[in-house]
Each structure stands twice: as C-alpha cells, then as structure tokens.
Amino acid sequence: MSHCGKFYYEDRYVSGCLQSCSDADACNSTRPIFLSSYIFFIMILFLLIFTS
C-alpha cells in the first residue's frame, strides 16, 4: 500500500510517497527456500532409488 501527499517527517515538511508492506510477507511474496530444497532432495532420492 502506498500513501502520497505532504506531511511532517523529522521536523521537516516534505512531500512524496511512502510505501508500506504487510507484516506477514514484508513485501516479499516468494516461497520459502526450504520447501524448494526439500522437493529437490525428494526428486534426487527417487532418481537414485528407481534408476539403480
């Protein structure tokens, strides 16, 4: 979400836009890396088991 306008910031009157993110994802909507690593590990394990 962004907010544009004029406002006081640290005792100065400024104009511009601010962007705020939700606390849940902090502007980062990617998947956790451990899930991708886990899936990759399972795929390698299956390849090793079924190609032997």
Protein backbone atom coordinates (compact mmCIF):
# COMPACT_ATOMS: atom_id res chain seq x y z
CA MET A 1 0.00 0.00 0.00
CA SER A 2 1.34 3.47 -0.74
CA HIS A 3 0.45 6.90 0.64
CA CYS A 4 1.24 10.11 -1.22
CA GLY A 5 0.97 13.67 0.00
CA LYS A 6 2.62 16.30 2.18
CA PHE A 7 3.50 15.61 5.79
CA TYR A 8 5.96 16.29 8.59
CA TYR A 9 8.93 13.95 8.89
CA GLU A 10 11.65 14.53 11.49
CA ASP A 11 10.63 18.18 11.99
CA ARG A 12 10.62 18.86 8.23
CA TYR A 13 7.61 19.41 5.96
CA VAL A 14 8.07 17.10 2.98
CA SER A 15 6.02 15.88 0.03
CA GLY A 16 6.20 12.49 -1.61
CA CYS A 17 5.02 8.91 -1.32
CA LEU A 18 5.51 6.22 1.31
CA GLN A 19 5.10 2.52 0.72
CA SER A 20 4.14 0.17 3.50
CA CYS A 21 4.07 -3.62 3.43
CA SER A 22 2.07 -6.10 5.43
CA ASP A 23 3.68 -7.68 8.46
CA ALA A 24 3.04 -11.15 7.04
CA ASP A 25 5.28 -11.05 3.95
CA ALA A 26 7.23 -7.79 4.29
CA CYS A 27 6.83 -7.04 0.54
CA ASN A 28 8.30 -10.42 -0.31
CA SER A 29 5.89 -12.92 -1.79
CA THR A 30 8.30 -15.71 -2.71
CA ARG A 31 8.14 -19.23 -1.35
CA PRO A 32 10.43 -20.23 1.49
CA ILE A 33 13.67 -21.72 0.18
CA PHE A 34 13.48 -24.82 2.39
CA LEU A 35 10.36 -26.02 0.54
CA SER A 36 12.14 -25.87 -2.82
CA SER A 37 15.19 -27.62 -1.37
CA TYR A 38 13.03 -30.32 0.16
CA ILE A 39 11.28 -31.04 -3.17
CA PHE A 40 14.65 -31.13 -4.97
CA PHE A 41 16.03 -33.59 -2.40
CA ILE A 42 13.00 -35.90 -2.80
CA MET A 43 13.38 -35.85 -6.60
CA ILE A 44 17.06 -36.80 -6.37
CA LEU A 45 16.23 -39.56 -3.90
CA PHE A 46 13.62 -41.03 -6.24
CA LEU A 47 16.04 -40.90 -9.16
CA LEU A 48 18.69 -42.74 -7.16
CA ILE A 49 16.25 -45.40 -5.99
CA PHE A 50 14.46 -46.08 -9.26
CA THR A 51 17.46 -45.90 -11.62
CA SER A 52 19.56 -48.41 -9.69
